[in-house]
PDB file of N, CA and C in Angstrom:
ATOM      1  N   MET A   1       9.200  -3.017 -13.974  1.00  0.00           N
ATOM      2  CA  MET A   1       8.655  -1.717 -13.630  1.00  0.00           C
ATOM      3  C   MET A   1       7.433  -1.451 -14.517  1.00  0.00           C
ATOM      4  N   ILE A   2       6.371  -0.998 -13.884  1.00  0.00           N
ATOM      5  CA  ILE A   2       5.169  -0.725 -14.651  1.00  0.00           C
ATOM      6  C   ILE A   2       5.057   0.774 -14.934  1.00  0.00           C
ATOM      7  N   THR A   3       4.409   1.083 -16.031  1.00  0.00           N
ATOM      8  CA  THR A   3       4.252   2.484 -16.431  1.00  0.00           C
ATOM      9  C   THR A   3       3.084   3.122 -15.678  1.00  0.00           C
ATOM     10  N   SER A   4       2.966   4.429 -15.773  1.00  0.00           N
ATOM     11  CA  SER A   4       1.881   5.122 -15.085  1.00  0.00           C
ATOM     12  C   SER A   4       0.527   4.739 -15.687  1.00  0.00           C
ATOM     13  N   LYS A   5       0.484   4.456 -16.965  1.00  0.00           N
ATOM     14  CA  LYS A   5      -0.755   4.023 -17.613  1.00  0.00           C
ATOM     15  C   LYS A   5      -1.173   2.644 -17.101  1.00  0.00           C
ATOM     16  N   GLN A   6      -0.213   1.742 -16.961  1.00  0.00           N
ATOM     17  CA  GLN A   6      -0.496   0.412 -16.425  1.00  0.00           C
ATOM     18  C   GLN A   6      -0.920   0.508 -14.959  1.00  0.00           C
ATOM     19  N   ARG A   7      -0.267   1.374 -14.214  1.00  0.00           N
ATOM     20  CA  ARG A   7      -0.601   1.581 -12.802  1.00  0.00           C
ATOM     21  C   ARG A   7      -2.042   2.086 -12.655  1.00  0.00           C
ATOM     22  N   ALA A   8      -2.441   3.005 -13.534  1.00  0.00           N
ATOM     23  CA  ALA A   8      -3.805   3.536 -13.510  1.00  0.00           C
ATOM     24  C   ALA A   8      -4.820   2.424 -13.794  1.00  0.00           C
ATOM     25  N   ARG A   9      -4.501   1.552 -14.727  1.00  0.00           N
ATOM     26  CA  ARG A   9      -5.387   0.430 -15.048  1.00  0.00           C
ATOM     27  C   ARG A   9      -5.496  -0.524 -13.857  1.00  0.00           C
ATOM     28  N   LEU A  10      -4.368  -0.798 -13.207  1.00  0.00           N
ATOM     29  CA  LEU A  10      -4.377  -1.679 -12.038  1.00  0.00           C
ATOM     30  C   LEU A  10      -5.154  -1.052 -10.878  1.00  0.00           C
ATOM     31  N   ARG A  11      -5.031   0.255 -10.697  1.00  0.00           N
ATOM     32  CA  ARG A  11      -5.795   0.948  -9.647  1.00  0.00           C
ATOM     33  C   ARG A  11      -7.290   0.799  -9.892  1.00  0.00           C
ATOM     34  N   ALA A  12      -7.698   0.937 -11.145  1.00  0.00           N
ATOM     35  CA  ALA A  12      -9.112   0.789 -11.491  1.00  0.00           C
ATOM     36  C   ALA A  12      -9.588  -0.641 -11.215  1.00  0.00           C
ATOM     37  N   MET A  13      -8.756  -1.622 -11.521  1.00  0.00           N
ATOM     38  CA  MET A  13      -9.112  -3.021 -11.281  1.00  0.00           C
ATOM     39  C   MET A  13      -9.199  -3.317  -9.780  1.00  0.00           C
ATOM     40  N   ALA A  14      -8.356  -2.667  -8.989  1.00  0.00           N
ATOM     41  CA  ALA A  14      -8.300  -2.926  -7.553  1.00  0.00           C
ATOM     42  C   ALA A  14      -9.421  -2.233  -6.794  1.00  0.00           C
ATOM     43  N   ASN A  15     -10.107  -1.311  -7.443  1.00  0.00           N
ATOM     44  CA  ASN A  15     -11.139  -0.532  -6.769  1.00  0.00           C
ATOM     45  C   ASN A  15     -12.209  -1.410  -6.113  1.00  0.00           C
ATOM     46  N   GLY A  16     -12.612  -2.466  -6.757  1.00  0.00           N
ATOM     47  CA  GLY A  16     -13.667  -3.331  -6.226  1.00  0.00           C
ATOM     48  C   GLY A  16     -13.174  -4.481  -5.370  1.00  0.00           C
ATOM     49  N   LEU A  17     -11.872  -4.603  -5.192  1.00  0.00           N
ATOM     50  CA  LEU A  17     -11.323  -5.711  -4.412  1.00  0.00           C
ATOM     51  C   LEU A  17     -11.540  -5.519  -2.915  1.00  0.00           C
ATOM     52  N   SER A  18     -11.724  -6.627  -2.219  1.00  0.00           N
ATOM     53  CA  SER A  18     -11.755  -6.600  -0.761  1.00  0.00           C
ATOM     54  C   SER A  18     -10.350  -6.883  -0.249  1.00  0.00           C
ATOM     55  N   PRO A  19      -9.981  -6.295   0.890  1.00  0.00           N
ATOM     56  CA  PRO A  19      -8.647  -6.576   1.445  1.00  0.00           C
ATOM     57  C   PRO A  19      -8.486  -8.066   1.750  1.00  0.00           C
ATOM     58  N   ILE A  20      -7.323  -8.593   1.423  1.00  0.00           N
ATOM     59  CA  ILE A  20      -7.054 -10.017   1.576  1.00  0.00           C
ATOM     60  C   ILE A  20      -6.316 -10.328   2.875  1.00  0.00           C
ATOM     61  N   ALA A  21      -5.704  -9.304   3.472  1.00  0.00           N
ATOM     62  CA  ALA A  21      -4.948  -9.501   4.716  1.00  0.00           C
ATOM     63  C   ALA A  21      -4.940  -8.200   5.511  1.00  0.00           C
ATOM     64  N   GLN A  22      -4.587  -8.344   6.798  1.00  0.00           N
ATOM     65  CA  GLN A  22      -4.468  -7.183   7.680  1.00  0.00           C
ATOM     66  C   GLN A  22      -3.108  -7.218   8.354  1.00  0.00           C
ATOM     67  N   ILE A  23      -2.489  -6.060   8.432  1.00  0.00           N
ATOM     68  CA  ILE A  23      -1.222  -5.934   9.143  1.00  0.00           C
ATOM     69  C   ILE A  23      -1.513  -5.155  10.416  1.00  0.00           C
ATOM     70  N   GLY A  24      -1.207  -5.767  11.555  1.00  0.00           N
ATOM     71  CA  GLY A  24      -1.512  -5.147  12.839  1.00  0.00           C
ATOM     72  C   GLY A  24      -0.264  -4.739  13.593  1.00  0.00           C
ATOM     73  N   LYS A  25      -0.397  -4.697  14.917  1.00  0.00           N
ATOM     74  CA  LYS A  25       0.719  -4.226  15.735  1.00  0.00           C
ATOM     75  C   LYS A  25       1.900  -5.191  15.729  1.00  0.00           C
ATOM     76  N   GLY A  26       1.685  -6.425  15.292  1.00  0.00           N
ATOM     77  CA  GLY A  26       2.772  -7.387  15.169  1.00  0.00           C
ATOM     78  C   GLY A  26       3.700  -7.075  14.015  1.00  0.00           C
ATOM     79  N   GLY A  27       3.240  -6.217  13.110  1.00  0.00           N
ATOM     80  CA  GLY A  27       4.067  -5.824  11.973  1.00  0.00           C
ATOM     81  C   GLY A  27       4.035  -6.841  10.845  1.00  0.00           C
ATOM     82  N   ILE A  28       5.042  -6.771  10.018  1.00  0.00           N
ATOM     83  CA  ILE A  28       5.131  -7.650   8.854  1.00  0.00           C
ATOM     84  C   ILE A  28       5.991  -8.846   9.222  1.00  0.00           C
ATOM     85  N   VAL A  29       5.335  -9.919   9.591  1.00  0.00           N
ATOM     86  CA  VAL A  29       6.017 -11.142  10.011  1.00  0.00           C
ATOM     87  C   VAL A  29       6.014 -12.141   8.860  1.00  0.00           C
ATOM     88  N   ASP A  30       6.741 -13.233   9.051  1.00  0.00           N
ATOM     89  CA  ASP A  30       6.873 -14.238   7.996  1.00  0.00           C
ATOM     90  C   ASP A  30       5.528 -14.812   7.560  1.00  0.00           C
ATOM     91  N   ASN A  31       4.593 -14.971   8.499  1.00  0.00           N
ATOM     92  CA  ASN A  31       3.277 -15.525   8.149  1.00  0.00           C
ATOM     93  C   ASN A  31       2.531 -14.597   7.197  1.00  0.00           C
ATOM     94  N   ILE A  32       2.623 -13.315   7.435  1.00  0.00           N
ATOM     95  CA  ILE A  32       1.967 -12.335   6.550  1.00  0.00           C
ATOM     96  C   ILE A  32       2.598 -12.382   5.165  1.00  0.00           C
ATOM     97  N   ILE A  33       3.923 -12.422   5.114  1.00  0.00           N
ATOM     98  CA  ILE A  33       4.626 -12.474   3.827  1.00  0.00           C
ATOM     99  C   ILE A  33       4.233 -13.722   3.055  1.00  0.00           C
ATOM    100  N   LYS A  34       4.147 -14.856   3.729  1.00  0.00           N
ATOM    101  CA  LYS A  34       3.746 -16.121   3.076  1.00  0.00           C
ATOM    102  C   LYS A  34       2.320 -16.015   2.544  1.00  0.00           C
ATOM    103  N   GLN A  35       1.422 -15.455   3.363  1.00  0.00           N
ATOM    104  CA  GLN A  35       0.027 -15.292   2.951  1.00  0.00           C
ATOM    105  C   GLN A  35      -0.079 -14.375   1.733  1.00  0.00           C
ATOM    106  N   LEU A  36       0.647 -13.264   1.754  1.00  0.00           N
ATOM    107  CA  LEU A  36       0.622 -12.335   0.626  1.00  0.00           C
ATOM    108  C   LEU A  36       1.255 -12.943  -0.624  1.00  0.00           C
ATOM    109  N   ASP A  37       2.319 -13.727  -0.444  1.00  0.00           N
ATOM    110  CA  ASP A  37       2.971 -14.393  -1.573  1.00  0.00           C
ATOM    111  C   ASP A  37       2.009 -15.356  -2.252  1.00  0.00           C
ATOM    112  N   ASP A  38       1.315 -16.163  -1.454  1.00  0.00           N
ATOM    113  CA  ASP A  38       0.333 -17.103  -2.007  1.00  0.00           C
ATOM    114  C   ASP A  38      -0.803 -16.373  -2.714  1.00  0.00           C
ATOM    115  N   ALA A  39      -1.261 -15.276  -2.112  1.00  0.00           N
ATOM    116  CA  ALA A  39      -2.355 -14.508  -2.703  1.00  0.00           C
ATOM    117  C   ALA A  39      -1.926 -13.860  -4.019  1.00  0.00           C
ATOM    118  N   LEU A  40      -0.710 -13.337  -4.064  1.00  0.00           N
ATOM    119  CA  LEU A  40      -0.211 -12.740  -5.304  1.00  0.00           C
ATOM    120  C   LEU A  40      -0.078 -13.782  -6.405  1.00  0.00           C
ATOM    121  N   GLU A  41       0.356 -14.962  -6.044  1.00  0.00           N
ATOM    122  CA  GLU A  41       0.502 -16.024  -7.035  1.00  0.00           C
ATOM    123  C   GLU A  41      -0.867 -16.431  -7.592  1.00  0.00           C
ATOM    124  N   ALA A  42      -1.873 -16.430  -6.733  1.00  0.00           N
ATOM    125  CA  ALA A  42      -3.212 -16.840  -7.151  1.00  0.00           C
ATOM    126  C   ALA A  42      -3.981 -15.725  -7.869  1.00  0.00           C
ATOM    127  N   HIS A  43      -3.844 -14.482  -7.388  1.00  0.00           N
ATOM    128  CA  HIS A  43      -4.688 -13.397  -7.902  1.00  0.00           C
ATOM    129  C   HIS A  43      -3.939 -12.314  -8.675  1.00  0.00           C
ATOM    130  N   GLU A  44      -2.645 -12.194  -8.483  1.00  0.00           N
ATOM    131  CA  GLU A  44      -1.776 -11.191  -9.115  1.00  0.00           C
ATOM    132  C   GLU A  44      -1.981  -9.765  -8.593  1.00  0.00           C
ATOM    133  N   LEU A  45      -3.177  -9.405  -8.182  1.00  0.00           N
ATOM    134  CA  LEU A  45      -3.482  -8.068  -7.685  1.00  0.00           C
ATOM    135  C   LEU A  45      -4.209  -8.211  -6.354  1.00  0.00           C
ATOM    136  N   ILE A  46      -3.618  -7.642  -5.290  1.00  0.00           N
ATOM    137  CA  ILE A  46      -4.221  -7.791  -3.966  1.00  0.00           C
ATOM    138  C   ILE A  46      -4.281  -6.458  -3.234  1.00  0.00           C
ATOM    139  N   LYS A  47      -5.229  -6.384  -2.311  1.00  0.00           N
ATOM    140  CA  LYS A  47      -5.384  -5.202  -1.464  1.00  0.00           C
ATOM    141  C   LYS A  47      -5.163  -5.645  -0.024  1.00  0.00           C
ATOM    142  N   VAL A  48      -4.435  -4.838   0.740  1.00  0.00           N
ATOM    143  CA  VAL A  48      -4.088  -5.148   2.130  1.00  0.00           C
ATOM    144  C   VAL A  48      -4.465  -3.957   3.011  1.00  0.00           C
ATOM    145  N   THR A  49      -4.957  -4.254   4.204  1.00  0.00           N
ATOM    146  CA  THR A  49      -5.297  -3.213   5.171  1.00  0.00           C
ATOM    147  C   THR A  49      -4.250  -3.167   6.272  1.00  0.00           C
ATOM    148  N   VAL A  50      -3.880  -1.956   6.672  1.00  0.00           N
ATOM    149  CA  VAL A  50      -2.980  -1.752   7.806  1.00  0.00           C
ATOM    150  C   VAL A  50      -3.837  -1.195   8.943  1.00  0.00           C
ATOM    151  N   LEU A  51      -3.884  -1.915  10.045  1.00  0.00           N
ATOM    152  CA  LEU A  51      -4.692  -1.478  11.181  1.00  0.00           C
ATOM    153  C   LEU A  51      -4.098  -0.238  11.841  1.00  0.00           C
ATOM    154  N   GLU A  52      -4.931   0.514  12.520  1.00  0.00           N
ATOM    155  CA  GLU A  52      -4.473   1.735  13.183  1.00  0.00           C
ATOM    156  C   GLU A  52      -3.468   1.449  14.292  1.00  0.00           C
ATOM    157  N   THR A  53      -3.502   0.238  14.846  1.00  0.00           N
ATOM    158  CA  THR A  53      -2.585  -0.119  15.927  1.00  0.00           C
ATOM    159  C   THR A  53      -1.197  -0.494  15.422  1.00  0.00           C
ATOM    160  N   ALA A  54      -1.053  -0.630  14.117  1.00  0.00           N
ATOM    161  CA  ALA A  54       0.248  -1.016  13.539  1.00  0.00           C
ATOM    162  C   ALA A  54       1.269   0.098  13.737  1.00  0.00           C
ATOM    163  N   LEU A  55       2.518  -0.307  13.827  1.00  0.00           N
ATOM    164  CA  LEU A  55       3.608   0.645  14.015  1.00  0.00           C
ATOM    165  C   LEU A  55       4.062   1.268  12.699  1.00  0.00           C
ATOM    166  N   LEU A  56       3.561   0.746  11.577  1.00  0.00           N
ATOM    167  CA  LEU A  56       3.926   1.241  10.253  1.00  0.00           C
ATOM    168  C   LEU A  56       2.752   1.974   9.617  1.00  0.00           C
ATOM    169  N   THR A  57       3.055   2.927   8.753  1.00  0.00           N
ATOM    170  CA  THR A  57       2.011   3.533   7.938  1.00  0.00           C
ATOM    171  C   THR A  57       1.731   2.603   6.761  1.00  0.00           C
ATOM    172  N   ALA A  58       0.653   2.849   6.069  1.00  0.00           N
ATOM    173  CA  ALA A  58       0.322   2.015   4.910  1.00  0.00           C
ATOM    174  C   ALA A  58       1.411   2.123   3.844  1.00  0.00           C
ATOM    175  N   ARG A  59       1.975   3.314   3.642  1.00  0.00           N
ATOM    176  CA  ARG A  59       3.020   3.521   2.644  1.00  0.00           C
ATOM    177  C   ARG A  59       4.282   2.723   3.006  1.00  0.00           C
ATOM    178  N   GLU A  60       4.668   2.770   4.280  1.00  0.00           N
ATOM    179  CA  GLU A  60       5.853   2.024   4.725  1.00  0.00           C
ATOM    180  C   GLU A  60       5.631   0.521   4.589  1.00  0.00           C
ATOM    181  N   ALA A  61       4.448   0.059   4.994  1.00  0.00           N
ATOM    182  CA  ALA A  61       4.131  -1.367   4.893  1.00  0.00           C
ATOM    183  C   ALA A  61       4.112  -1.803   3.432  1.00  0.00           C
ATOM    184  N   CYS A  62       3.578  -0.966   2.564  1.00  0.00           N
ATOM    185  CA  CYS A  62       3.528  -1.261   1.138  1.00  0.00           C
ATOM    186  C   CYS A  62       4.938  -1.422   0.568  1.00  0.00           C
ATOM    187  N   ASP A  63       5.828  -0.497   0.918  1.00  0.00           N
ATOM    188  CA  ASP A  63       7.201  -0.554   0.419  1.00  0.00           C
ATOM    189  C   ASP A  63       7.937  -1.796   0.909  1.00  0.00           C
ATOM    190  N   VAL A  64       7.771  -2.126   2.189  1.00  0.00           N
ATOM    191  CA  VAL A  64       8.438  -3.298   2.758  1.00  0.00           C
ATOM    192  C   VAL A  64       7.916  -4.575   2.114  1.00  0.00           C
ATOM    193  N   CYS A  65       6.595  -4.699   2.002  1.00  0.00           N
ATOM    194  CA  CYS A  65       6.002  -5.896   1.398  1.00  0.00           C
ATOM    195  C   CYS A  65       6.404  -6.037  -0.066  1.00  0.00           C
ATOM    196  N   ALA A  66       6.373  -4.941  -0.801  1.00  0.00           N
ATOM    197  CA  ALA A  66       6.745  -4.984  -2.221  1.00  0.00           C
ATOM    198  C   ALA A  66       8.185  -5.457  -2.392  1.00  0.00           C
ATOM    199  N   GLN A  67       9.065  -4.973  -1.536  1.00  0.00           N
ATOM    200  CA  GLN A  67      10.469  -5.372  -1.621  1.00  0.00           C
ATOM    201  C   GLN A  67      10.643  -6.851  -1.289  1.00  0.00           C
ATOM    202  N   LYS A  68      10.008  -7.309  -0.224  1.00  0.00           N
ATOM    203  CA  LYS A  68      10.157  -8.705   0.187  1.00  0.00           C
ATOM    204  C   LYS A  68       9.511  -9.684  -0.787  1.00  0.00           C
ATOM    205  N   LEU A  69       8.455  -9.239  -1.467  1.00  0.00           N
ATOM    206  CA  LEU A  69       7.710 -10.129  -2.354  1.00  0.00           C
ATOM    207  C   LEU A  69       8.097  -9.990  -3.823  1.00  0.00           C
ATOM    208  N   GLY A  70       8.912  -8.996  -4.138  1.00  0.00           N
ATOM    209  CA  GLY A  70       9.259  -8.757  -5.536  1.00  0.00           C
ATOM    210  C   GLY A  70       8.048  -8.270  -6.323  1.00  0.00           C
ATOM    211  N   ALA A  71       7.193  -7.490  -5.665  1.00  0.00           N
ATOM    212  CA  ALA A  71       5.963  -7.009  -6.283  1.00  0.00           C
ATOM    213  C   ALA A  71       6.064  -5.517  -6.577  1.00  0.00           C
ATOM    214  N   GLU A  72       5.117  -5.022  -7.343  1.00  0.00           N
ATOM    215  CA  GLU A  72       5.042  -3.602  -7.678  1.00  0.00           C
ATOM    216  C   GLU A  72       4.007  -2.932  -6.795  1.00  0.00           C
ATOM    217  N   PRO A  73       4.373  -1.873  -6.085  1.00  0.00           N
ATOM    218  CA  PRO A  73       3.360  -1.116  -5.348  1.00  0.00           C
ATOM    219  C   PRO A  73       2.489  -0.348  -6.346  1.00  0.00           C
ATOM    220  N   VAL A  74       1.185  -0.520  -6.236  1.00  0.00           N
ATOM    221  CA  VAL A  74       0.262   0.123  -7.168  1.00  0.00           C
ATOM    222  C   VAL A  74      -0.316   1.396  -6.561  1.00  0.00           C
ATOM    223  N   GLN A  75      -0.761   1.292  -5.303  1.00  0.00           N
ATOM    224  CA  GLN A  75      -1.450   2.408  -4.689  1.00  0.00           C
ATOM    225  C   GLN A  75      -1.394   2.279  -3.177  1.00  0.00           C
ATOM    226  N   SER A  76      -1.359   3.406  -2.499  1.00  0.00           N
ATOM    227  CA  SER A  76      -1.426   3.438  -1.042  1.00  0.00           C
ATOM    228  C   SER A  76      -2.265   4.638  -0.642  1.00  0.00           C
ATOM    229  N   ILE A  77      -3.455   4.354  -0.127  1.00  0.00           N
ATOM    230  CA  ILE A  77      -4.369   5.426   0.284  1.00  0.00           C
ATOM    231  C   ILE A  77      -4.909   5.092   1.660  1.00  0.00           C
ATOM    232  N   GLY A  78      -4.795   6.047   2.575  1.00  0.00           N
ATOM    233  CA  GLY A  78      -5.327   5.847   3.927  1.00  0.00           C
ATOM    234  C   GLY A  78      -4.665   4.676   4.617  1.00  0.00           C
ATOM    235  N   LEU A  79      -5.455   3.678   4.982  1.00  0.00           N
ATOM    236  CA  LEU A  79      -4.949   2.499   5.682  1.00  0.00           C
ATOM    237  C   LEU A  79      -4.849   1.278   4.777  1.00  0.00           C
ATOM    238  N   LYS A  80      -4.995   1.479   3.466  1.00  0.00           N
ATOM    239  CA  LYS A  80      -4.954   0.348   2.528  1.00  0.00           C
ATOM    240  C   LYS A  80      -3.885   0.565   1.471  1.00  0.00           C
ATOM    241  N   PHE A  81      -3.371  -0.561   0.967  1.00  0.00           N
ATOM    242  CA  PHE A  81      -2.454  -0.482  -0.174  1.00  0.00           C
ATOM    243  C   PHE A  81      -2.693  -1.653  -1.104  1.00  0.00           C
ATOM    244  N   VAL A  82      -2.247  -1.486  -2.350  1.00  0.00           N
ATOM    245  CA  VAL A  82      -2.461  -2.485  -3.396  1.00  0.00           C
ATOM    246  C   VAL A  82      -1.110  -2.888  -3.971  1.00  0.00           C
ATOM    247  N   LEU A  83      -0.930  -4.201  -4.164  1.00  0.00           N
ATOM    248  CA  LEU A  83       0.290  -4.745  -4.759  1.00  0.00           C
ATOM    249  C   LEU A  83      -0.049  -5.554  -6.005  1.00  0.00           C
ATOM    250  N   TYR A  84       0.880  -5.560  -6.970  1.00  0.00           N
ATOM    251  CA  TYR A  84       0.728  -6.358  -8.183  1.00  0.00           C
ATOM    252  C   TYR A  84       2.014  -7.123  -8.434  1.00  0.00           C
ATOM    253  N   ARG A  85       1.853  -8.385  -8.792  1.00  0.00           N
ATOM    254  CA  ARG A  85       2.987  -9.194  -9.251  1.00  0.00           C
ATOM    255  C   ARG A  85       2.451 -10.222 -10.229  1.00  0.00           C
ATOM    256  N   GLN A  86       3.064 -10.287 -11.387  1.00  0.00           N
ATOM    257  CA  GLN A  86       2.650 -11.259 -12.394  1.00  0.00           C
ATOM    258  C   GLN A  86       2.904 -12.666 -11.876  1.00  0.00           C
ATOM    259  N   ALA A  87       1.977 -13.572 -12.129  1.00  0.00           N
ATOM    260  CA  ALA A  87       2.129 -14.964 -11.707  1.00  0.00           C
ATOM    261  C   ALA A  87       3.358 -15.580 -12.373  1.00  0.00           C
ATOM    262  N   ARG A  88       4.026 -16.434 -11.634  1.00  0.00           N
ATOM    263  CA  ARG A  88       5.257 -17.044 -12.156  1.00  0.00           C
ATOM    264  C   ARG A  88       4.971 -17.989 -13.317  1.00  0.00           C
ATOM    265  N   GLU A  89       3.872 -18.741 -13.220  1.00  0.00           N
ATOM    266  CA  GLU A  89       3.514 -19.691 -14.272  1.00  0.00           C
ATOM    267  C   GLU A  89       2.628 -19.002 -15.311  1.00  0.00           C
ATOM    268  N   PRO A  90       3.005 -19.098 -16.584  1.00  0.00           N
ATOM    269  CA  PRO A  90       2.206 -18.441 -17.624  1.00  0.00           C
ATOM    270  C   PRO A  90       0.743 -18.899 -17.656  1.00  0.00           C
ATOM    271  N   LYS A  91       0.455 -20.119 -17.274  1.00  0.00           N
ATOM    272  CA  LYS A  91      -0.921 -20.627 -17.289  1.00  0.00           C
ATOM    273  C   LYS A  91      -1.805 -19.934 -16.253  1.00  0.00           C
ATOM    274  N   LYS A  92      -1.196 -19.441 -15.174  1.00  0.00           N
ATOM    275  CA  LYS A  92      -1.949 -18.820 -14.092  1.00  0.00           C
ATOM    276  C   LYS A  92      -2.128 -17.313 -14.267  1.00  0.00           C
ATOM    277  N   ARG A  93      -1.534 -16.742 -15.288  1.00  0.00           N
ATOM    278  CA  ARG A  93      -1.599 -15.289 -15.481  1.00  0.00           C
ATOM    279  C   ARG A  93      -2.999 -14.881 -15.936  1.00  0.00           C
ATOM    280  N   LYS A  94      -3.583 -13.929 -15.203  1.00  0.00           N
ATOM    281  CA  LYS A  94      -4.935 -13.451 -15.483  1.00  0.00           C
ATOM    282  C   LYS A  94      -4.943 -12.032 -16.010  1.00  0.00           C
ATOM    283  N   ILE A  95      -3.975 -11.222 -15.585  1.00  0.00           N
ATOM    284  CA  ILE A  95      -3.940  -9.806 -15.932  1.00  0.00           C
ATOM    285  C   ILE A  95      -2.914  -9.592 -17.026  1.00  0.00           C
ATOM    286  N   LYS A  96      -3.360  -8.984 -18.108  1.00  0.00           N
ATOM    287  CA  LYS A  96      -2.459  -8.683 -19.228  1.00  0.00           C
ATOM    288  C   LYS A  96      -2.219  -7.185 -19.255  1.00  0.00           C
ATOM    289  N   LEU A  97      -0.971  -6.786 -19.063  1.00  0.00           N
ATOM    290  CA  LEU A  97      -0.601  -5.380 -19.150  1.00  0.00           C
ATOM    291  C   LEU A  97       0.078  -5.112 -20.470  1.00  0.00           C
ATOM    292  N   ASN A  98      -0.385  -4.091 -21.165  1.00  0.00           N
ATOM    293  CA  ASN A  98       0.207  -3.762 -22.464  1.00  0.00           C
ATOM    294  C   ASN A  98       1.088  -2.569 -22.356  1.00  0.00           C
TER     295      ASN A  98
END
């Protein structure tokens, strides 16, 4: 669990990120989860867009993805959300939270 101070720092870091994936009317399928898992392992902090045609809101999609991926929901605004998960291998860790 991350603190509100850590969450604020992650939000600031995510501000300049481009969305790495889109969730559409197909919902959250295994391919999306695999793509997000790989992206989290590589980058630790990712931004995802939920299309207007999706059956889920960005908040709902964020909660579902965070649960399935073992990630921390950082932010959900409008049609975008941000997830954080520390890389499993210590050598690949880029973000240090204090």
